[in-house]
PDB file of all heavy atoms in Angstrom:
ATOM      1  N   LEU A   1     -15.831  -4.889  70.491  1.00  0.00           N
ATOM      2  CA  LEU A   1     -15.266  -6.230  70.209  1.00  0.00           C
ATOM      3  C   LEU A   1     -16.309  -7.318  70.533  1.00  0.00           C
ATOM      4  O   LEU A   1     -16.545  -8.164  69.690  1.00  0.00           O
ATOM      5  CB  LEU A   1     -14.001  -6.476  70.950  1.00  0.00           C
ATOM      6  CG  LEU A   1     -13.362  -7.805  70.691  1.00  0.00           C
ATOM      7  CD1 LEU A   1     -12.892  -7.981  69.236  1.00  0.00           C
ATOM      8  CD2 LEU A   1     -12.084  -7.984  71.607  1.00  0.00           C
ATOM      9  N   VAL A   2     -16.964  -7.221  71.679  1.00  0.00           N
ATOM     10  CA  VAL A   2     -17.955  -8.191  72.051  1.00  0.00           C
ATOM     11  C   VAL A   2     -19.164  -8.111  71.055  1.00  0.00           C
ATOM     12  O   VAL A   2     -19.666  -9.172  70.631  1.00  0.00           O
ATOM     13  CB  VAL A   2     -18.475  -7.927  73.489  1.00  0.00           C
ATOM     14  CG1 VAL A   2     -19.668  -8.791  73.818  1.00  0.00           C
ATOM     15  CG2 VAL A   2     -17.362  -8.238  74.478  1.00  0.00           C
ATOM     16  N   LEU A   3     -19.552  -6.947  70.655  1.00  0.00           N
ATOM     17  CA  LEU A   3     -20.655  -6.791  69.707  1.00  0.00           C
ATOM     18  C   LEU A   3     -20.254  -7.457  68.376  1.00  0.00           C
ATOM     19  O   LEU A   3     -21.097  -8.083  67.719  1.00  0.00           O
ATOM     20  CB  LEU A   3     -20.990  -5.343  69.463  1.00  0.00           C
ATOM     21  CG  LEU A   3     -21.874  -4.698  70.532  1.00  0.00           C
ATOM     22  CD1 LEU A   3     -21.962  -3.203  70.329  1.00  0.00           C
ATOM     23  CD2 LEU A   3     -23.328  -5.275  70.475  1.00  0.00           C
ATOM     24  N   ALA A   4     -19.051  -7.278  67.985  1.00  0.00           N
ATOM     25  CA  ALA A   4     -18.579  -7.874  66.685  1.00  0.00           C
ATOM     26  C   ALA A   4     -18.597  -9.330  66.730  1.00  0.00           C
ATOM     27  O   ALA A   4     -19.016 -10.077  65.819  1.00  0.00           O
ATOM     28  CB  ALA A   4     -17.183  -7.325  66.359  1.00  0.00           C
ATOM     29  N   VAL A   5     -18.129  -9.960  67.857  1.00  0.00           N
ATOM     30  CA  VAL A   5     -18.166 -11.376  68.031  1.00  0.00           C
ATOM     31  C   VAL A   5     -19.554 -11.883  68.102  1.00  0.00           C
ATOM     32  O   VAL A   5     -19.860 -12.919  67.431  1.00  0.00           O
ATOM     33  CB  VAL A   5     -17.369 -11.800  69.352  1.00  0.00           C
ATOM     34  CG1 VAL A   5     -17.618 -13.263  69.699  1.00  0.00           C
ATOM     35  CG2 VAL A   5     -15.916 -11.449  69.217  1.00  0.00           C
ATOM     36  N   ILE A   6     -20.450 -11.211  68.766  1.00  0.00           N
ATOM     37  CA  ILE A   6     -21.908 -11.599  68.775  1.00  0.00           C
ATOM     38  C   ILE A   6     -22.461 -11.575  67.377  1.00  0.00           C
ATOM     39  O   ILE A   6     -23.125 -12.548  66.942  1.00  0.00           O
ATOM     40  CB  ILE A   6     -22.712 -10.784  69.781  1.00  0.00           C
ATOM     41  CG1 ILE A   6     -22.342 -11.084  71.191  1.00  0.00           C
ATOM     42  CG2 ILE A   6     -24.189 -10.930  69.493  1.00  0.00           C
ATOM     43  CD1 ILE A   6     -22.923 -10.120  72.237  1.00  0.00           C
ATOM     44  N   ALA A   7     -22.211 -10.540  66.665  1.00  0.00           N
ATOM     45  CA  ALA A   7     -22.733 -10.407  65.288  1.00  0.00           C
ATOM     46  C   ALA A   7     -22.220 -11.562  64.391  1.00  0.00           C
ATOM     47  O   ALA A   7     -23.030 -12.193  63.689  1.00  0.00           O
ATOM     48  CB  ALA A   7     -22.369  -9.092  64.692  1.00  0.00           C
ATOM     49  N   TYR A   8     -20.965 -11.831  64.480  1.00  0.00           N
ATOM     50  CA  TYR A   8     -20.414 -12.898  63.686  1.00  0.00           C
ATOM     51  C   TYR A   8     -21.012 -14.249  64.120  1.00  0.00           C
ATOM     52  O   TYR A   8     -21.426 -15.061  63.319  1.00  0.00           O
ATOM     53  CB  TYR A   8     -18.910 -12.969  63.771  1.00  0.00           C
ATOM     54  CG  TYR A   8     -18.308 -14.173  63.091  1.00  0.00           C
ATOM     55  CD1 TYR A   8     -18.284 -14.283  61.692  1.00  0.00           C
ATOM     56  CD2 TYR A   8     -17.797 -15.200  63.860  1.00  0.00           C
ATOM     57  CE1 TYR A   8     -17.768 -15.358  61.060  1.00  0.00           C
ATOM     58  CE2 TYR A   8     -17.306 -16.303  63.187  1.00  0.00           C
ATOM     59  CZ  TYR A   8     -17.253 -16.420  61.843  1.00  0.00           C
ATOM     60  OH  TYR A   8     -16.781 -17.514  61.172  1.00  0.00           O
ATOM     61  N   ALA A   9     -20.979 -14.511  65.419  1.00  0.00           N
ATOM     62  CA  ALA A   9     -21.456 -15.789  65.923  1.00  0.00           C
ATOM     63  C   ALA A   9     -22.929 -16.083  65.683  1.00  0.00           C
ATOM     64  O   ALA A   9     -23.344 -17.264  65.534  1.00  0.00           O
ATOM     65  CB  ALA A   9     -21.166 -15.929  67.419  1.00  0.00           C
ATOM     66  N   THR A  10     -23.710 -15.072  65.611  1.00  0.00           N
ATOM     67  CA  THR A  10     -25.151 -15.265  65.497  1.00  0.00           C
ATOM     68  C   THR A  10     -25.711 -15.011  64.100  1.00  0.00           C
ATOM     69  O   THR A  10     -26.764 -15.517  63.776  1.00  0.00           O
ATOM     70  CB  THR A  10     -25.930 -14.389  66.499  1.00  0.00           C
ATOM     71  OG1 THR A  10     -25.692 -12.997  66.223  1.00  0.00           O
ATOM     72  CG2 THR A  10     -25.592 -14.709  67.912  1.00  0.00           C
ATOM     73  N   LEU A  11     -24.987 -14.255  63.298  1.00  0.00           N
ATOM     74  CA  LEU A  11     -25.505 -13.937  61.970  1.00  0.00           C
ATOM     75  C   LEU A  11     -24.840 -14.685  60.815  1.00  0.00           C
ATOM     76  O   LEU A  11     -25.412 -14.786  59.754  1.00  0.00           O
ATOM     77  CB  LEU A  11     -25.484 -12.393  61.704  1.00  0.00           C
ATOM     78  CG  LEU A  11     -26.310 -11.540  62.712  1.00  0.00           C
ATOM     79  CD1 LEU A  11     -26.046 -10.097  62.393  1.00  0.00           C
ATOM     80  CD2 LEU A  11     -27.726 -11.908  62.684  1.00  0.00           C
ATOM     81  N   ASP A  12     -23.665 -15.193  61.069  1.00  0.00           N
ATOM     82  CA  ASP A  12     -22.995 -16.067  60.040  1.00  0.00           C
ATOM     83  C   ASP A  12     -23.838 -17.356  59.947  1.00  0.00           C
ATOM     84  O   ASP A  12     -24.373 -17.817  60.911  1.00  0.00           O
ATOM     85  CB  ASP A  12     -21.578 -16.329  60.459  1.00  0.00           C
ATOM     86  CG  ASP A  12     -20.839 -17.062  59.412  1.00  0.00           C
ATOM     87  OD1 ASP A  12     -20.360 -16.425  58.408  1.00  0.00           O
ATOM     88  OD2 ASP A  12     -20.669 -18.315  59.525  1.00  0.00           O
ATOM     89  N   SER A  13     -23.870 -17.902  58.745  1.00  0.00           N
ATOM     90  CA  SER A  13     -24.683 -19.112  58.556  1.00  0.00           C
ATOM     91  C   SER A  13     -24.170 -20.307  59.402  1.00  0.00           C
ATOM     92  O   SER A  13     -24.947 -21.130  59.787  1.00  0.00           O
ATOM     93  CB  SER A  13     -24.745 -19.488  57.094  1.00  0.00           C
ATOM     94  OG  SER A  13     -23.407 -19.786  56.615  1.00  0.00           O
ATOM     95  N   ASP A  14     -22.884 -20.426  59.598  1.00  0.00           N
ATOM     96  CA  ASP A  14     -22.338 -21.534  60.362  1.00  0.00           C
ATOM     97  C   ASP A  14     -20.921 -21.117  60.915  1.00  0.00           C
ATOM     98  O   ASP A  14     -19.954 -21.639  60.389  1.00  0.00           O
ATOM     99  CB  ASP A  14     -22.225 -22.778  59.483  1.00  0.00           C
ATOM    100  CG  ASP A  14     -22.005 -24.080  60.306  1.00  0.00           C
ATOM    101  OD1 ASP A  14     -22.178 -24.064  61.489  1.00  0.00           O
ATOM    102  OD2 ASP A  14     -21.602 -25.074  59.641  1.00  0.00           O
ATOM    103  N   PRO A  15     -20.856 -20.276  61.950  1.00  0.00           N
ATOM    104  CA  PRO A  15     -19.627 -19.697  62.331  1.00  0.00           C
ATOM    105  C   PRO A  15     -18.601 -20.667  62.821  1.00  0.00           C
ATOM    106  O   PRO A  15     -17.383 -20.427  62.635  1.00  0.00           O
ATOM    107  CB  PRO A  15     -20.049 -18.741  63.461  1.00  0.00           C
ATOM    108  CG  PRO A  15     -21.336 -19.219  63.981  1.00  0.00           C
ATOM    109  CD  PRO A  15     -21.983 -19.887  62.807  1.00  0.00           C
ATOM    110  N   VAL A  16     -18.975 -21.742  63.564  1.00  0.00           N
ATOM    111  CA  VAL A  16     -17.975 -22.693  64.050  1.00  0.00           C
ATOM    112  C   VAL A  16     -18.107 -24.087  63.402  1.00  0.00           C
ATOM    113  O   VAL A  16     -17.371 -24.931  63.715  1.00  0.00           O
ATOM    114  CB  VAL A  16     -18.015 -22.838  65.568  1.00  0.00           C
ATOM    115  CG1 VAL A  16     -17.560 -21.521  66.230  1.00  0.00           C
ATOM    116  CG2 VAL A  16     -19.352 -23.282  66.059  1.00  0.00           C
ATOM    117  N   GLY A  17     -19.162 -24.259  62.645  1.00  0.00           N
ATOM    118  CA  GLY A  17     -19.454 -25.566  62.106  1.00  0.00           C
ATOM    119  C   GLY A  17     -20.234 -26.338  63.132  1.00  0.00           C
ATOM    120  O   GLY A  17     -19.797 -26.600  64.238  1.00  0.00           O
ATOM    121  N   ALA A  18     -21.444 -26.695  62.754  1.00  0.00           N
ATOM    122  CA  ALA A  18     -22.351 -27.358  63.691  1.00  0.00           C
ATOM    123  C   ALA A  18     -21.745 -28.640  64.215  1.00  0.00           C
ATOM    124  O   ALA A  18     -22.014 -29.034  65.346  1.00  0.00           O
ATOM    125  CB  ALA A  18     -23.686 -27.683  63.007  1.00  0.00           C
ATOM    126  N   ASP A  19     -20.925 -29.299  63.401  1.00  0.00           N
ATOM    127  CA  ASP A  19     -20.285 -30.553  63.825  1.00  0.00           C
ATOM    128  C   ASP A  19     -19.143 -30.305  64.879  1.00  0.00           C
ATOM    129  O   ASP A  19     -18.765 -31.268  65.530  1.00  0.00           O
ATOM    130  CB  ASP A  19     -19.730 -31.286  62.652  1.00  0.00           C
ATOM    131  CG  ASP A  19     -20.796 -31.755  61.636  1.00  0.00           C
ATOM    132  OD1 ASP A  19     -21.968 -31.911  62.147  1.00  0.00           O
ATOM    133  OD2 ASP A  19     -20.442 -31.942  60.453  1.00  0.00           O
ATOM    134  N   ASN A  20     -18.728 -29.084  65.009  1.00  0.00           N
ATOM    135  CA  ASN A  20     -17.627 -28.761  65.959  1.00  0.00           C
ATOM    136  C   ASN A  20     -18.105 -28.479  67.379  1.00  0.00           C
ATOM    137  O   ASN A  20     -17.315 -28.369  68.290  1.00  0.00           O
ATOM    138  CB  ASN A  20     -16.795 -27.587  65.445  1.00  0.00           C
ATOM    139  CG  ASN A  20     -16.063 -27.908  64.160  1.00  0.00           C
ATOM    140  OD1 ASN A  20     -15.735 -29.075  63.914  1.00  0.00           O
ATOM    141  ND2 ASN A  20     -15.826 -26.914  63.358  1.00  0.00           N
ATOM    142  N   LEU A  21     -19.448 -28.285  67.547  1.00  0.00           N
ATOM    143  CA  LEU A  21     -19.938 -28.011  68.873  1.00  0.00           C
ATOM    144  C   LEU A  21     -20.002 -29.347  69.657  1.00  0.00           C
ATOM    145  O   LEU A  21     -20.370 -30.379  69.127  1.00  0.00           O
ATOM    146  CB  LEU A  21     -21.387 -27.404  68.811  1.00  0.00           C
ATOM    147  CG  LEU A  21     -21.493 -25.972  68.404  1.00  0.00           C
ATOM    148  CD1 LEU A  21     -22.964 -25.553  68.213  1.00  0.00           C
ATOM    149  CD2 LEU A  21     -20.760 -25.073  69.355  1.00  0.00           C
ATOM    150  N   PRO A  22     -19.653 -29.250  70.946  1.00  0.00           N
ATOM    151  CA  PRO A  22     -19.737 -30.509  71.735  1.00  0.00           C
ATOM    152  C   PRO A  22     -21.183 -30.992  71.827  1.00  0.00           C
ATOM    153  O   PRO A  22     -22.101 -30.151  71.813  1.00  0.00           O
ATOM    154  CB  PRO A  22     -19.214 -30.051  73.113  1.00  0.00           C
ATOM    155  CG  PRO A  22     -18.638 -28.706  72.957  1.00  0.00           C
ATOM    156  CD  PRO A  22     -19.142 -28.136  71.654  1.00  0.00           C
ATOM    157  N   PRO A  23     -21.401 -32.277  71.906  1.00  0.00           N
ATOM    158  CA  PRO A  23     -22.755 -32.767  71.976  1.00  0.00           C
ATOM    159  C   PRO A  23     -23.414 -32.626  73.307  1.00  0.00           C
ATOM    160  O   PRO A  23     -23.823 -33.581  73.982  1.00  0.00           O
ATOM    161  CB  PRO A  23     -22.583 -34.246  71.618  1.00  0.00           C
ATOM    162  CG  PRO A  23     -21.211 -34.586  72.122  1.00  0.00           C
ATOM    163  CD  PRO A  23     -20.421 -33.345  71.905  1.00  0.00           C
ATOM    164  N   ILE A  24     -23.495 -31.375  73.790  1.00  0.00           N
ATOM    165  CA  ILE A  24     -24.060 -31.024  75.074  1.00  0.00           C
ATOM    166  C   ILE A  24     -25.483 -30.505  74.774  1.00  0.00           C
ATOM    167  O   ILE A  24     -25.665 -29.519  73.965  1.00  0.00           O
ATOM    168  CB  ILE A  24     -23.290 -29.992  75.778  1.00  0.00           C
ATOM    169  CG1 ILE A  24     -21.868 -30.518  76.096  1.00  0.00           C
ATOM    170  CG2 ILE A  24     -23.974 -29.536  77.104  1.00  0.00           C
ATOM    171  CD1 ILE A  24     -20.908 -29.479  76.642  1.00  0.00           C
ATOM    172  N   PRO A  25     -26.523 -31.069  75.380  1.00  0.00           N
ATOM    173  CA  PRO A  25     -27.870 -30.539  75.096  1.00  0.00           C
ATOM    174  C   PRO A  25     -28.004 -29.055  75.462  1.00  0.00           C
ATOM    175  O   PRO A  25     -27.474 -28.605  76.490  1.00  0.00           O
ATOM    176  CB  PRO A  25     -28.765 -31.370  76.045  1.00  0.00           C
ATOM    177  CG  PRO A  25     -27.956 -32.593  76.428  1.00  0.00           C
ATOM    178  CD  PRO A  25     -26.517 -32.173  76.338  1.00  0.00           C
ATOM    179  N   HIS A  26     -28.594 -28.347  74.537  1.00  0.00           N
ATOM    180  CA  HIS A  26     -28.867 -26.896  74.665  1.00  0.00           C
ATOM    181  C   HIS A  26     -27.600 -26.040  74.808  1.00  0.00           C
ATOM    182  O   HIS A  26     -27.693 -24.962  75.411  1.00  0.00           O
ATOM    183  CB  HIS A  26     -29.863 -26.629  75.819  1.00  0.00           C
ATOM    184  CG  HIS A  26     -31.074 -27.456  75.788  1.00  0.00           C
ATOM    185  ND1 HIS A  26     -31.987 -27.348  74.745  1.00  0.00           N
ATOM    186  CD2 HIS A  26     -31.470 -28.475  76.525  1.00  0.00           C
ATOM    187  CE1 HIS A  26     -32.941 -28.267  74.965  1.00  0.00           C
ATOM    188  NE2 HIS A  26     -32.674 -28.948  76.003  1.00  0.00           N
ATOM    189  N   ILE A  27     -26.476 -26.506  74.279  1.00  0.00           N
ATOM    190  CA  ILE A  27     -25.213 -25.690  74.383  1.00  0.00           C
ATOM    191  C   ILE A  27     -25.405 -24.348  73.761  1.00  0.00           C
ATOM    192  O   ILE A  27     -24.805 -23.322  74.160  1.00  0.00           O
ATOM    193  CB  ILE A  27     -24.053 -26.415  73.868  1.00  0.00           C
ATOM    194  CG1 ILE A  27     -22.751 -25.684  74.237  1.00  0.00           C
ATOM    195  CG2 ILE A  27     -24.114 -26.629  72.355  1.00  0.00           C
ATOM    196  CD1 ILE A  27     -21.526 -26.466  74.192  1.00  0.00           C
ATOM    197  N   ASP A  28     -26.264 -24.250  72.689  1.00  0.00           N
ATOM    198  CA  ASP A  28     -26.476 -22.968  72.034  1.00  0.00           C
ATOM    199  C   ASP A  28     -27.089 -21.985  73.005  1.00  0.00           C
ATOM    200  O   ASP A  28     -26.766 -20.786  72.940  1.00  0.00           O
ATOM    201  CB  ASP A  28     -27.319 -23.121  70.768  1.00  0.00           C
ATOM    202  CG  ASP A  28     -28.721 -23.637  71.024  1.00  0.00           C
ATOM    203  OD1 ASP A  28     -28.846 -24.619  71.852  1.00  0.00           O
ATOM    204  OD2 ASP A  28     -29.717 -23.157  70.474  1.00  0.00           O
ATOM    205  N   LYS A  29     -27.947 -22.428  73.891  1.00  0.00           N
ATOM    206  CA  LYS A  29     -28.572 -21.494  74.912  1.00  0.00           C
ATOM    207  C   LYS A  29     -27.466 -21.023  75.877  1.00  0.00           C
ATOM    208  O   LYS A  29     -27.480 -19.842  76.299  1.00  0.00           O
ATOM    209  CB  LYS A  29     -29.703 -22.201  75.636  1.00  0.00           C
ATOM    210  CG  LYS A  29     -30.803 -22.769  74.768  1.00  0.00           C
ATOM    211  CD  LYS A  29     -31.352 -21.725  73.804  1.00  0.00           C
ATOM    212  CE  LYS A  29     -32.460 -22.296  72.943  1.00  0.00           C
ATOM    213  NZ  LYS A  29     -32.175 -22.337  71.511  1.00  0.00           N
ATOM    214  N   LEU A  30     -26.636 -21.891  76.328  1.00  0.00           N
ATOM    215  CA  LEU A  30     -25.508 -21.536  77.219  1.00  0.00           C
ATOM    216  C   LEU A  30     -24.653 -20.486  76.506  1.00  0.00           C
ATOM    217  O   LEU A  30     -24.210 -19.527  77.127  1.00  0.00           O
ATOM    218  CB  LEU A  30     -24.730 -22.765  77.604  1.00  0.00           C
ATOM    219  CG  LEU A  30     -23.500 -22.471  78.497  1.00  0.00           C
ATOM    220  CD1 LEU A  30     -23.884 -21.859  79.797  1.00  0.00           C
ATOM    221  CD2 LEU A  30     -22.730 -23.783  78.734  1.00  0.00           C
ATOM    222  N   ILE A  31     -24.350 -20.716  75.258  1.00  0.00           N
ATOM    223  CA  ILE A  31     -23.510 -19.776  74.525  1.00  0.00           C
ATOM    224  C   ILE A  31     -24.186 -18.416  74.415  1.00  0.00           C
ATOM    225  O   ILE A  31     -23.515 -17.351  74.594  1.00  0.00           O
ATOM    226  CB  ILE A  31     -23.187 -20.302  73.085  1.00  0.00           C
ATOM    227  CG1 ILE A  31     -22.244 -21.554  73.253  1.00  0.00           C
ATOM    228  CG2 ILE A  31     -22.558 -19.283  72.191  1.00  0.00           C
ATOM    229  CD1 ILE A  31     -22.040 -22.388  72.012  1.00  0.00           C
ATOM    230  N   HIS A  32     -25.494 -18.379  74.179  1.00  0.00           N
ATOM    231  CA  HIS A  32     -26.253 -17.131  74.155  1.00  0.00           C
ATOM    232  C   HIS A  32     -26.169 -16.409  75.496  1.00  0.00           C
ATOM    233  O   HIS A  32     -25.924 -15.207  75.557  1.00  0.00           O
ATOM    234  CB  HIS A  32     -27.737 -17.369  73.797  1.00  0.00           C
ATOM    235  CG  HIS A  32     -27.970 -17.225  72.337  1.00  0.00           C
ATOM    236  ND1 HIS A  32     -28.369 -16.095  71.765  1.00  0.00           N
ATOM    237  CD2 HIS A  32     -27.904 -18.127  71.321  1.00  0.00           C
ATOM    238  CE1 HIS A  32     -28.519 -16.228  70.417  1.00  0.00           C
ATOM    239  NE2 HIS A  32     -28.262 -17.481  70.216  1.00  0.00           N
ATOM    240  N   ALA A  33     -26.350 -17.147  76.610  1.00  0.00           N
ATOM    241  CA  ALA A  33     -26.263 -16.545  77.930  1.00  0.00           C
ATOM    242  C   ALA A  33     -24.892 -15.962  78.169  1.00  0.00           C
ATOM    243  O   ALA A  33     -24.751 -14.843  78.683  1.00  0.00           O
ATOM    244  CB  ALA A  33     -26.572 -17.607  79.016  1.00  0.00           C
ATOM    245  N   ILE A  34     -23.834 -16.641  77.765  1.00  0.00           N
ATOM    246  CA  ILE A  34     -22.503 -16.174  77.972  1.00  0.00           C
ATOM    247  C   ILE A  34     -22.215 -14.900  77.046  1.00  0.00           C
ATOM    248  O   ILE A  34     -21.605 -13.930  77.552  1.00  0.00           O
ATOM    249  CB  ILE A  34     -21.453 -17.290  77.655  1.00  0.00           C
ATOM    250  CG1 ILE A  34     -21.559 -18.381  78.717  1.00  0.00           C
ATOM    251  CG2 ILE A  34     -20.063 -16.705  77.503  1.00  0.00           C
ATOM    252  CD1 ILE A  34     -20.822 -19.640  78.393  1.00  0.00           C
ATOM    253  N   MET A  35     -22.662 -14.957  75.847  1.00  0.00           N
ATOM    254  CA  MET A  35     -22.443 -13.834  74.905  1.00  0.00           C
ATOM    255  C   MET A  35     -23.088 -12.579  75.436  1.00  0.00           C
ATOM    256  O   MET A  35     -22.465 -11.487  75.482  1.00  0.00           O
ATOM    257  CB  MET A  35     -22.934 -14.093  73.524  1.00  0.00           C
ATOM    258  CG  MET A  35     -22.075 -15.085  72.739  1.00  0.00           C
ATOM    259  SD  MET A  35     -22.559 -15.220  70.986  1.00  0.00           S
ATOM    260  CE  MET A  35     -24.287 -15.672  71.041  1.00  0.00           C
ATOM    261  N   PHE A  36     -24.344 -12.618  75.860  1.00  0.00           N
ATOM    262  CA  PHE A  36     -25.069 -11.408  76.279  1.00  0.00           C
ATOM    263  C   PHE A  36     -24.761 -11.064  77.669  1.00  0.00           C
ATOM    264  O   PHE A  36     -24.766  -9.800  77.975  1.00  0.00           O
ATOM    265  CB  PHE A  36     -26.575 -11.600  75.938  1.00  0.00           C
ATOM    266  CG  PHE A  36     -26.825 -11.404  74.531  1.00  0.00           C
ATOM    267  CD1 PHE A  36     -26.706 -12.532  73.619  1.00  0.00           C
ATOM    268  CD2 PHE A  36     -27.026 -10.170  73.963  1.00  0.00           C
ATOM    269  CE1 PHE A  36     -26.942 -12.364  72.236  1.00  0.00           C
ATOM    270  CE2 PHE A  36     -27.181 -10.016  72.568  1.00  0.00           C
ATOM    271  CZ  PHE A  36     -27.117 -11.113  71.753  1.00  0.00           C
ATOM    272  N   GLY A  37     -24.374 -11.999  78.543  1.00  0.00           N
ATOM    273  CA  GLY A  37     -23.813 -11.581  79.844  1.00  0.00           C
ATOM    274  C   GLY A  37     -22.526 -10.894  79.631  1.00  0.00           C
ATOM    275  O   GLY A  37     -22.187  -9.910  80.296  1.00  0.00           O
ATOM    276  N   GLY A  38     -21.755 -11.349  78.604  1.00  0.00           N
ATOM    277  CA  GLY A  38     -20.448 -10.682  78.232  1.00  0.00           C
ATOM    278  C   GLY A  38     -20.673  -9.255  77.720  1.00  0.00           C
ATOM    279  O   GLY A  38     -19.885  -8.362  78.027  1.00  0.00           O
ATOM    280  N   LEU A  39     -21.750  -9.093  76.945  1.00  0.00           N
ATOM    281  CA  LEU A  39     -22.060  -7.735  76.447  1.00  0.00           C
ATOM    282  C   LEU A  39     -22.357  -6.768  77.558  1.00  0.00           C
ATOM    283  O   LEU A  39     -21.833  -5.720  77.619  1.00  0.00           O
ATOM    284  CB  LEU A  39     -23.227  -7.822  75.411  1.00  0.00           C
ATOM    285  CG  LEU A  39     -23.693  -6.445  74.933  1.00  0.00           C
ATOM    286  CD1 LEU A  39     -22.607  -5.680  74.259  1.00  0.00           C
ATOM    287  CD2 LEU A  39     -24.860  -6.636  73.969  1.00  0.00           C
ATOM    288  N   PHE A  40     -23.214  -7.212  78.497  1.00  0.00           N
ATOM    289  CA  PHE A  40     -23.591  -6.421  79.614  1.00  0.00           C
ATOM    290  C   PHE A  40     -22.278  -6.115  80.419  1.00  0.00           C
ATOM    291  O   PHE A  40     -22.037  -4.946  80.856  1.00  0.00           O
ATOM    292  CB  PHE A  40     -24.593  -7.100  80.552  1.00  0.00           C
ATOM    293  CG  PHE A  40     -24.803  -6.380  81.834  1.00  0.00           C
ATOM    294  CD1 PHE A  40     -25.732  -5.416  81.931  1.00  0.00           C
ATOM    295  CD2 PHE A  40     -23.995  -6.739  82.943  1.00  0.00           C
ATOM    296  CE1 PHE A  40     -25.910  -4.720  83.162  1.00  0.00           C
ATOM    297  CE2 PHE A  40     -24.179  -6.072  84.123  1.00  0.00           C
ATOM    298  CZ  PHE A  40     -25.115  -5.044  84.259  1.00  0.00           C
TER     299      PHE A  40
END
């Protein structure tokens, strides 16, 4: 399930809509850390 979510979130062209992300600097890096910490 985690692998499927990662694949969708990272390979889809715009999985949540860029405008829907909070305006937090580098939030994409935080999301990456959470996803791959979640995989482990």
